[in-house]
N, C-alpha and C. Protein backbone atom coordinates (compact mmCIF):
# COMPACT_ATOMS: atom_id res chain seq x y z
N MET A 1 40.23 -58.55 17.40
CA MET A 1 39.49 -58.29 16.18
C MET A 1 39.47 -56.78 15.92
N ASP A 2 39.85 -56.40 14.70
CA ASP A 2 39.84 -54.98 14.33
C ASP A 2 38.42 -54.53 14.05
N PRO A 3 38.10 -53.32 14.57
CA PRO A 3 36.75 -52.81 14.26
C PRO A 3 36.62 -52.51 12.77
N VAL A 4 35.42 -52.67 12.30
CA VAL A 4 35.14 -52.38 10.89
C VAL A 4 35.11 -50.87 10.72
N PRO A 5 35.93 -50.34 9.83
CA PRO A 5 35.90 -48.88 9.65
C PRO A 5 34.55 -48.44 9.11
N ARG A 6 34.04 -47.40 9.72
CA ARG A 6 32.75 -46.86 9.27
C ARG A 6 33.01 -45.60 8.45
N THR A 7 32.40 -45.57 7.32
CA THR A 7 32.55 -44.38 6.47
C THR A 7 31.19 -43.70 6.36
N ARG A 8 31.28 -42.40 6.29
CA ARG A 8 30.05 -41.65 6.11
C ARG A 8 29.62 -41.77 4.66
N PRO A 9 28.31 -41.83 4.43
CA PRO A 9 27.85 -41.86 3.03
C PRO A 9 28.29 -40.58 2.32
N GLN A 10 28.69 -40.74 1.10
CA GLN A 10 29.12 -39.58 0.32
C GLN A 10 27.93 -38.67 0.06
N ALA A 11 28.10 -37.37 0.34
CA ALA A 11 27.04 -36.40 0.11
C ALA A 11 26.81 -36.24 -1.39
N ASP A 12 25.58 -36.05 -1.76
CA ASP A 12 25.21 -35.85 -3.15
C ASP A 12 25.54 -34.41 -3.52
N PRO A 13 26.49 -34.16 -4.43
CA PRO A 13 26.90 -32.79 -4.76
C PRO A 13 25.79 -31.97 -5.42
N SER A 14 24.75 -32.64 -5.93
CA SER A 14 23.66 -31.89 -6.54
C SER A 14 22.63 -31.45 -5.51
N ARG A 15 22.80 -31.88 -4.25
CA ARG A 15 21.87 -31.53 -3.17
C ARG A 15 22.58 -30.60 -2.20
N LEU A 16 21.89 -29.58 -1.74
CA LEU A 16 22.46 -28.60 -0.84
C LEU A 16 21.75 -28.62 0.51
N THR A 17 22.50 -28.42 1.58
CA THR A 17 21.88 -28.24 2.88
C THR A 17 21.28 -26.84 2.91
N ILE A 18 20.47 -26.56 3.91
CA ILE A 18 19.89 -25.23 4.01
C ILE A 18 20.97 -24.17 4.21
N GLY A 19 22.04 -24.53 4.95
CA GLY A 19 23.15 -23.61 5.14
C GLY A 19 23.87 -23.30 3.83
N GLU A 20 24.07 -24.35 3.03
CA GLU A 20 24.73 -24.16 1.74
C GLU A 20 23.87 -23.33 0.79
N LEU A 21 22.56 -23.62 0.78
CA LEU A 21 21.65 -22.85 -0.07
C LEU A 21 21.62 -21.39 0.38
N SER A 22 21.62 -21.18 1.68
CA SER A 22 21.62 -19.82 2.23
C SER A 22 22.90 -19.08 1.83
N ALA A 23 24.05 -19.72 2.03
CA ALA A 23 25.33 -19.09 1.71
C ALA A 23 25.42 -18.77 0.22
N ARG A 24 24.98 -19.69 -0.61
CA ARG A 24 25.09 -19.51 -2.06
C ARG A 24 24.09 -18.49 -2.60
N SER A 25 22.89 -18.44 -2.01
CA SER A 25 21.83 -17.56 -2.53
C SER A 25 21.82 -16.19 -1.88
N GLY A 26 22.44 -16.07 -0.69
CA GLY A 26 22.39 -14.80 0.03
C GLY A 26 21.09 -14.58 0.76
N VAL A 27 20.31 -15.64 0.93
CA VAL A 27 19.01 -15.57 1.60
C VAL A 27 19.12 -16.31 2.93
N ALA A 28 18.65 -15.69 4.00
CA ALA A 28 18.74 -16.29 5.33
C ALA A 28 17.99 -17.62 5.39
N PRO A 29 18.49 -18.56 6.20
CA PRO A 29 17.79 -19.84 6.35
C PRO A 29 16.33 -19.67 6.77
N SER A 30 16.05 -18.70 7.63
CA SER A 30 14.66 -18.48 8.05
C SER A 30 13.79 -18.10 6.86
N ALA A 31 14.33 -17.29 5.94
CA ALA A 31 13.57 -16.92 4.75
C ALA A 31 13.38 -18.12 3.84
N LEU A 32 14.40 -18.97 3.74
CA LEU A 32 14.28 -20.18 2.91
C LEU A 32 13.20 -21.10 3.47
N ARG A 33 13.17 -21.25 4.79
CA ARG A 33 12.12 -22.07 5.39
C ARG A 33 10.74 -21.46 5.13
N PHE A 34 10.65 -20.12 5.19
CA PHE A 34 9.40 -19.43 4.90
C PHE A 34 8.99 -19.65 3.44
N TYR A 35 9.94 -19.51 2.51
CA TYR A 35 9.65 -19.77 1.10
C TYR A 35 9.14 -21.19 0.90
N GLU A 36 9.76 -22.12 1.61
CA GLU A 36 9.34 -23.51 1.49
C GLU A 36 7.93 -23.70 2.05
N LYS A 37 7.66 -23.07 3.18
CA LYS A 37 6.32 -23.16 3.79
C LYS A 37 5.26 -22.62 2.83
N LEU A 38 5.60 -21.57 2.08
CA LEU A 38 4.67 -21.00 1.11
C LEU A 38 4.57 -21.82 -0.17
N GLY A 39 5.47 -22.79 -0.34
CA GLY A 39 5.46 -23.61 -1.54
C GLY A 39 6.22 -22.99 -2.70
N LEU A 40 7.07 -22.00 -2.41
CA LEU A 40 7.85 -21.36 -3.47
C LEU A 40 9.06 -22.19 -3.86
N ILE A 41 9.65 -22.89 -2.88
CA ILE A 41 10.77 -23.79 -3.14
C ILE A 41 10.45 -25.12 -2.48
N HIS A 42 11.23 -26.13 -2.84
CA HIS A 42 10.95 -27.48 -2.34
C HIS A 42 12.24 -28.16 -1.89
N SER A 43 12.11 -29.01 -0.89
CA SER A 43 13.25 -29.80 -0.42
C SER A 43 12.80 -31.23 -0.23
N THR A 44 13.80 -32.09 -0.08
CA THR A 44 13.55 -33.45 0.35
C THR A 44 14.14 -33.56 1.75
N ARG A 45 13.89 -34.65 2.42
CA ARG A 45 14.42 -34.84 3.77
C ARG A 45 15.31 -36.07 3.80
N THR A 46 16.35 -35.95 4.61
CA THR A 46 17.25 -37.09 4.82
C THR A 46 16.61 -38.01 5.85
N GLY A 47 17.26 -39.14 6.09
CA GLY A 47 16.79 -40.05 7.14
C GLY A 47 16.77 -39.37 8.50
N GLY A 48 17.62 -38.39 8.70
CA GLY A 48 17.68 -37.63 9.95
C GLY A 48 16.77 -36.40 9.92
N ASN A 49 15.90 -36.31 8.93
CA ASN A 49 14.92 -35.24 8.77
C ASN A 49 15.56 -33.87 8.47
N GLN A 50 16.73 -33.87 7.86
CA GLN A 50 17.37 -32.62 7.46
C GLN A 50 16.96 -32.28 6.03
N ARG A 51 16.76 -31.01 5.78
CA ARG A 51 16.38 -30.55 4.45
C ARG A 51 17.56 -30.70 3.49
N ARG A 52 17.25 -31.10 2.28
CA ARG A 52 18.21 -31.12 1.19
C ARG A 52 17.51 -30.51 -0.02
N TYR A 53 18.20 -29.55 -0.63
CA TYR A 53 17.64 -28.84 -1.77
C TYR A 53 18.38 -29.22 -3.03
N ASP A 54 17.65 -29.45 -4.09
CA ASP A 54 18.26 -29.68 -5.38
C ASP A 54 18.97 -28.40 -5.79
N ARG A 55 20.10 -28.52 -6.43
CA ARG A 55 20.89 -27.35 -6.82
C ARG A 55 20.07 -26.40 -7.70
N THR A 56 19.10 -26.92 -8.43
CA THR A 56 18.27 -26.07 -9.28
C THR A 56 17.41 -25.10 -8.47
N GLU A 57 17.24 -25.36 -7.16
CA GLU A 57 16.47 -24.44 -6.32
C GLU A 57 17.17 -23.09 -6.20
N LEU A 58 18.48 -23.05 -6.45
CA LEU A 58 19.21 -21.77 -6.44
C LEU A 58 18.59 -20.79 -7.43
N ARG A 59 18.22 -21.31 -8.59
CA ARG A 59 17.64 -20.45 -9.61
C ARG A 59 16.27 -19.95 -9.18
N ARG A 60 15.48 -20.82 -8.55
CA ARG A 60 14.16 -20.40 -8.06
C ARG A 60 14.31 -19.33 -6.98
N VAL A 61 15.27 -19.52 -6.07
CA VAL A 61 15.48 -18.54 -5.01
C VAL A 61 15.91 -17.20 -5.61
N ALA A 62 16.78 -17.23 -6.61
CA ALA A 62 17.19 -15.99 -7.27
C ALA A 62 15.99 -15.32 -7.93
N PHE A 63 15.15 -16.10 -8.56
CA PHE A 63 13.93 -15.60 -9.21
C PHE A 63 13.02 -14.95 -8.17
N ILE A 64 12.83 -15.61 -7.05
CA ILE A 64 11.99 -15.08 -5.96
C ILE A 64 12.59 -13.79 -5.43
N ARG A 65 13.88 -13.82 -5.18
CA ARG A 65 14.55 -12.68 -4.56
C ARG A 65 14.49 -11.43 -5.43
N ILE A 66 14.81 -11.55 -6.69
CA ILE A 66 14.80 -10.37 -7.56
C ILE A 66 13.37 -9.90 -7.81
N SER A 67 12.44 -10.81 -7.92
CA SER A 67 11.04 -10.43 -8.12
C SER A 67 10.52 -9.66 -6.92
N ALA A 68 10.83 -10.16 -5.71
CA ALA A 68 10.38 -9.49 -4.50
C ALA A 68 11.04 -8.12 -4.35
N GLN A 69 12.31 -8.02 -4.73
CA GLN A 69 13.02 -6.75 -4.61
C GLN A 69 12.44 -5.66 -5.51
N VAL A 70 11.83 -6.03 -6.61
CA VAL A 70 11.22 -5.02 -7.48
C VAL A 70 9.74 -4.82 -7.15
N GLY A 71 9.31 -5.41 -6.04
CA GLY A 71 7.96 -5.13 -5.56
C GLY A 71 6.88 -6.11 -5.96
N VAL A 72 7.25 -7.24 -6.52
CA VAL A 72 6.25 -8.24 -6.87
C VAL A 72 5.88 -9.01 -5.59
N PRO A 73 4.60 -9.03 -5.23
CA PRO A 73 4.20 -9.73 -4.00
C PRO A 73 4.50 -11.24 -4.07
N LEU A 74 4.80 -11.83 -2.91
CA LEU A 74 5.13 -13.26 -2.87
C LEU A 74 3.99 -14.12 -3.42
N GLU A 75 2.76 -13.73 -3.21
CA GLU A 75 1.63 -14.51 -3.74
C GLU A 75 1.65 -14.51 -5.27
N THR A 76 2.02 -13.39 -5.87
CA THR A 76 2.12 -13.31 -7.33
C THR A 76 3.29 -14.17 -7.82
N ILE A 77 4.39 -14.14 -7.09
CA ILE A 77 5.54 -14.97 -7.43
C ILE A 77 5.15 -16.45 -7.35
N LYS A 78 4.41 -16.80 -6.31
CA LYS A 78 3.97 -18.19 -6.14
C LYS A 78 3.10 -18.61 -7.32
N GLU A 79 2.17 -17.76 -7.73
CA GLU A 79 1.31 -18.09 -8.87
C GLU A 79 2.15 -18.26 -10.14
N ALA A 80 3.15 -17.40 -10.31
CA ALA A 80 4.01 -17.50 -11.49
C ALA A 80 4.78 -18.81 -11.49
N LEU A 81 5.40 -19.15 -10.36
CA LEU A 81 6.17 -20.40 -10.29
C LEU A 81 5.26 -21.62 -10.43
N ALA A 82 4.04 -21.51 -9.93
CA ALA A 82 3.09 -22.63 -10.05
C ALA A 82 2.66 -22.85 -11.50
N SER A 83 2.82 -21.82 -12.34
CA SER A 83 2.43 -21.97 -13.74
C SER A 83 3.47 -22.75 -14.55
N LEU A 84 4.60 -23.02 -13.93
CA LEU A 84 5.65 -23.79 -14.61
C LEU A 84 5.40 -25.28 -14.43
N PRO A 85 5.92 -26.08 -15.34
CA PRO A 85 5.80 -27.54 -15.15
C PRO A 85 6.44 -27.96 -13.82
N ALA A 86 5.92 -28.97 -13.20
CA ALA A 86 6.41 -29.44 -11.89
C ALA A 86 7.90 -29.70 -11.92
N ASN A 87 8.57 -29.29 -10.85
CA ASN A 87 9.99 -29.54 -10.64
C ASN A 87 10.90 -28.95 -11.72
N ARG A 88 10.46 -27.86 -12.32
CA ARG A 88 11.32 -27.22 -13.31
C ARG A 88 11.50 -25.75 -12.92
N THR A 89 12.71 -25.29 -12.99
CA THR A 89 12.99 -23.90 -12.67
C THR A 89 12.75 -23.03 -13.91
N PRO A 90 12.56 -21.74 -13.71
CA PRO A 90 12.29 -20.87 -14.85
C PRO A 90 13.45 -20.80 -15.83
N THR A 91 13.13 -20.88 -17.10
CA THR A 91 14.11 -20.67 -18.16
C THR A 91 14.08 -19.20 -18.55
N LYS A 92 14.94 -18.80 -19.44
CA LYS A 92 14.94 -17.42 -19.92
C LYS A 92 13.59 -17.08 -20.57
N ALA A 93 13.05 -18.00 -21.33
CA ALA A 93 11.74 -17.77 -21.97
C ALA A 93 10.64 -17.66 -20.92
N ASP A 94 10.71 -18.49 -19.88
CA ASP A 94 9.72 -18.41 -18.80
C ASP A 94 9.79 -17.05 -18.12
N TRP A 95 11.01 -16.59 -17.82
CA TRP A 95 11.17 -15.30 -17.16
C TRP A 95 10.58 -14.19 -18.03
N ALA A 96 10.83 -14.23 -19.32
CA ALA A 96 10.30 -13.20 -20.22
C ALA A 96 8.78 -13.22 -20.20
N ARG A 97 8.19 -14.40 -20.24
CA ARG A 97 6.73 -14.51 -20.23
C ARG A 97 6.16 -14.02 -18.91
N LEU A 98 6.75 -14.47 -17.79
CA LEU A 98 6.23 -14.09 -16.48
C LEU A 98 6.42 -12.61 -16.20
N SER A 99 7.58 -12.08 -16.53
CA SER A 99 7.86 -10.68 -16.22
C SER A 99 7.04 -9.74 -17.10
N ALA A 100 6.68 -10.17 -18.30
CA ALA A 100 5.84 -9.33 -19.15
C ALA A 100 4.50 -9.06 -18.48
N GLY A 101 4.01 -10.04 -17.75
CA GLY A 101 2.75 -9.85 -17.02
C GLY A 101 2.89 -8.90 -15.85
N TRP A 102 4.11 -8.67 -15.40
CA TRP A 102 4.35 -7.78 -14.26
C TRP A 102 4.71 -6.36 -14.68
N ARG A 103 4.79 -6.12 -15.96
CA ARG A 103 5.23 -4.82 -16.45
C ARG A 103 4.35 -3.68 -15.93
N THR A 104 3.04 -3.85 -15.94
CA THR A 104 2.13 -2.81 -15.46
C THR A 104 2.40 -2.52 -13.99
N HIS A 105 2.54 -3.57 -13.20
CA HIS A 105 2.83 -3.39 -11.77
C HIS A 105 4.15 -2.64 -11.58
N LEU A 106 5.16 -3.02 -12.33
CA LEU A 106 6.47 -2.37 -12.21
C LEU A 106 6.40 -0.91 -12.64
N ASP A 107 5.66 -0.63 -13.71
CA ASP A 107 5.50 0.76 -14.15
C ASP A 107 4.81 1.59 -13.07
N GLU A 108 3.81 1.01 -12.39
CA GLU A 108 3.12 1.72 -11.30
C GLU A 108 4.08 1.97 -10.14
N GLN A 109 4.92 0.99 -9.83
CA GLN A 109 5.91 1.17 -8.77
C GLN A 109 6.89 2.29 -9.11
N ILE A 110 7.32 2.34 -10.35
CA ILE A 110 8.25 3.38 -10.79
C ILE A 110 7.60 4.76 -10.65
N LYS A 111 6.35 4.88 -11.06
CA LYS A 111 5.64 6.17 -10.95
C LYS A 111 5.50 6.58 -9.49
N LEU A 112 5.19 5.62 -8.61
CA LEU A 112 5.07 5.92 -7.18
C LEU A 112 6.40 6.40 -6.62
N LEU A 113 7.48 5.73 -6.98
CA LEU A 113 8.80 6.15 -6.50
C LEU A 113 9.16 7.54 -7.01
N GLU A 114 8.80 7.84 -8.24
CA GLU A 114 9.06 9.18 -8.77
C GLU A 114 8.24 10.23 -8.02
N ARG A 115 6.97 9.94 -7.73
CA ARG A 115 6.15 10.88 -6.96
C ARG A 115 6.72 11.05 -5.56
N LEU A 116 7.17 9.97 -4.95
CA LEU A 116 7.77 10.04 -3.62
C LEU A 116 9.01 10.93 -3.66
N ARG A 117 9.87 10.70 -4.62
CA ARG A 117 11.08 11.50 -4.77
C ARG A 117 10.76 12.98 -4.94
N ASP A 118 9.74 13.27 -5.72
CA ASP A 118 9.44 14.65 -6.07
C ASP A 118 8.59 15.39 -5.03
N THR A 119 7.88 14.67 -4.16
CA THR A 119 6.97 15.36 -3.23
C THR A 119 7.20 15.07 -1.76
N LEU A 120 8.16 14.26 -1.43
CA LEU A 120 8.33 13.85 -0.04
C LEU A 120 8.60 15.03 0.90
N THR A 121 9.26 16.06 0.40
CA THR A 121 9.57 17.19 1.28
C THR A 121 8.35 18.08 1.51
N GLY A 122 7.31 17.90 0.75
CA GLY A 122 6.09 18.70 0.91
C GLY A 122 4.97 17.85 1.48
N CYS A 123 3.76 18.35 1.33
CA CYS A 123 2.59 17.62 1.83
C CYS A 123 2.35 16.37 0.98
N ILE A 124 2.19 15.26 1.64
CA ILE A 124 1.91 14.01 0.93
C ILE A 124 0.48 13.54 1.17
N GLY A 125 -0.28 14.34 1.93
CA GLY A 125 -1.69 14.04 2.13
C GLY A 125 -1.96 13.01 3.20
N CYS A 126 -1.12 12.96 4.23
CA CYS A 126 -1.30 11.95 5.28
C CYS A 126 -2.27 12.39 6.37
N GLY A 127 -2.57 13.67 6.42
CA GLY A 127 -3.51 14.16 7.42
C GLY A 127 -2.87 14.70 8.68
N CYS A 128 -1.55 14.78 8.73
CA CYS A 128 -0.88 15.23 9.95
C CYS A 128 -1.00 16.74 10.15
N LEU A 129 -1.06 17.50 9.06
CA LEU A 129 -1.15 18.96 9.10
C LEU A 129 -0.04 19.61 9.91
N SER A 130 1.12 18.96 9.97
CA SER A 130 2.23 19.48 10.77
C SER A 130 3.15 20.40 9.99
N LEU A 131 3.11 20.36 8.68
CA LEU A 131 3.94 21.25 7.87
C LEU A 131 3.10 22.44 7.44
N LYS A 132 3.73 23.59 7.29
CA LYS A 132 3.00 24.78 6.86
C LYS A 132 2.29 24.54 5.54
N SER A 133 2.97 23.86 4.63
CA SER A 133 2.34 23.62 3.33
C SER A 133 1.14 22.70 3.43
N CYS A 134 1.12 21.81 4.44
CA CYS A 134 -0.03 20.92 4.60
C CYS A 134 -1.30 21.72 4.86
N ASN A 135 -1.18 22.81 5.60
CA ASN A 135 -2.36 23.63 5.87
C ASN A 135 -2.87 24.30 4.60
N LEU A 136 -1.98 24.51 3.64
CA LEU A 136 -2.41 25.10 2.37
C LEU A 136 -2.98 24.03 1.43
N VAL A 137 -2.29 22.91 1.34
CA VAL A 137 -2.70 21.85 0.42
C VAL A 137 -3.84 21.02 0.98
N ASN A 138 -3.86 20.84 2.29
CA ASN A 138 -4.83 19.93 2.92
C ASN A 138 -5.54 20.62 4.09
N THR A 139 -6.06 21.80 3.85
CA THR A 139 -6.74 22.56 4.89
C THR A 139 -7.83 21.72 5.53
N ASP A 140 -7.83 21.72 6.86
CA ASP A 140 -8.83 20.97 7.65
C ASP A 140 -8.87 19.49 7.29
N ASP A 141 -7.78 18.97 6.80
CA ASP A 141 -7.66 17.55 6.45
C ASP A 141 -8.74 17.10 5.47
N ARG A 142 -9.04 17.94 4.47
CA ARG A 142 -10.08 17.59 3.51
C ARG A 142 -9.70 16.40 2.64
N LEU A 143 -8.39 16.07 2.59
CA LEU A 143 -7.99 14.89 1.81
C LEU A 143 -8.42 13.58 2.46
N ALA A 144 -8.88 13.65 3.70
CA ALA A 144 -9.34 12.42 4.38
C ALA A 144 -10.50 11.78 3.63
N THR A 145 -11.24 12.58 2.87
CA THR A 145 -12.37 12.01 2.11
C THR A 145 -11.89 11.13 0.96
N LYS A 146 -10.60 11.26 0.59
CA LYS A 146 -10.04 10.45 -0.51
C LYS A 146 -9.53 9.10 -0.02
N GLY A 147 -9.53 8.88 1.30
CA GLY A 147 -9.11 7.59 1.82
C GLY A 147 -7.97 7.72 2.81
N PRO A 148 -7.54 6.59 3.38
CA PRO A 148 -6.48 6.61 4.39
C PRO A 148 -5.10 6.72 3.78
N GLY A 149 -4.15 7.14 4.61
CA GLY A 149 -2.75 7.15 4.21
C GLY A 149 -2.37 8.36 3.39
N PRO A 150 -1.19 8.31 2.78
CA PRO A 150 -0.65 9.44 2.02
C PRO A 150 -1.32 9.56 0.64
N VAL A 151 -2.54 10.10 0.62
CA VAL A 151 -3.35 10.07 -0.59
C VAL A 151 -2.76 10.85 -1.76
N ILE A 152 -1.98 11.87 -1.49
CA ILE A 152 -1.38 12.62 -2.60
C ILE A 152 -0.41 11.72 -3.36
N LEU A 153 0.30 10.87 -2.63
CA LEU A 153 1.25 9.96 -3.27
C LEU A 153 0.56 8.74 -3.88
N THR A 154 -0.38 8.17 -3.15
CA THR A 154 -0.95 6.90 -3.58
C THR A 154 -2.17 7.05 -4.48
N ARG A 155 -2.81 8.23 -4.46
CA ARG A 155 -3.98 8.45 -5.31
C ARG A 155 -3.86 9.82 -5.99
N PRO A 156 -2.92 9.96 -6.92
CA PRO A 156 -2.69 11.28 -7.52
C PRO A 156 -3.88 11.73 -8.37
């Protein structure tokens, strides 16, 4: 008696493994699992408990990645994605609406980067007093009363 040939079920081309999503998005599998844990992206599970991502999750990952790269906190990204209808990725109109709300934050980030660029070689108000100019700008660490960290940069 000839054995019955066994064929593997055909993979759904609209579903991606975590490796495929990682390769396509440029985001490490560990980061994808973290995003999923935070509820930023979603997967289904196979009978063998393997993650499968809808191809539309690529757009969500790209949205998360670029938002995080410009300094938008993951919690803010999560709130933005949660404001979308369930199981729908951001459209161009959604991105315009969501990013408009981030404009103030982005403008603040730009100003901070400009201050960093322009003052990093001098005293930044960290309290170290190790540079000659720090003794002039921050004599006796008087900037400590303005708070912790590099107060000249963060609290101009």
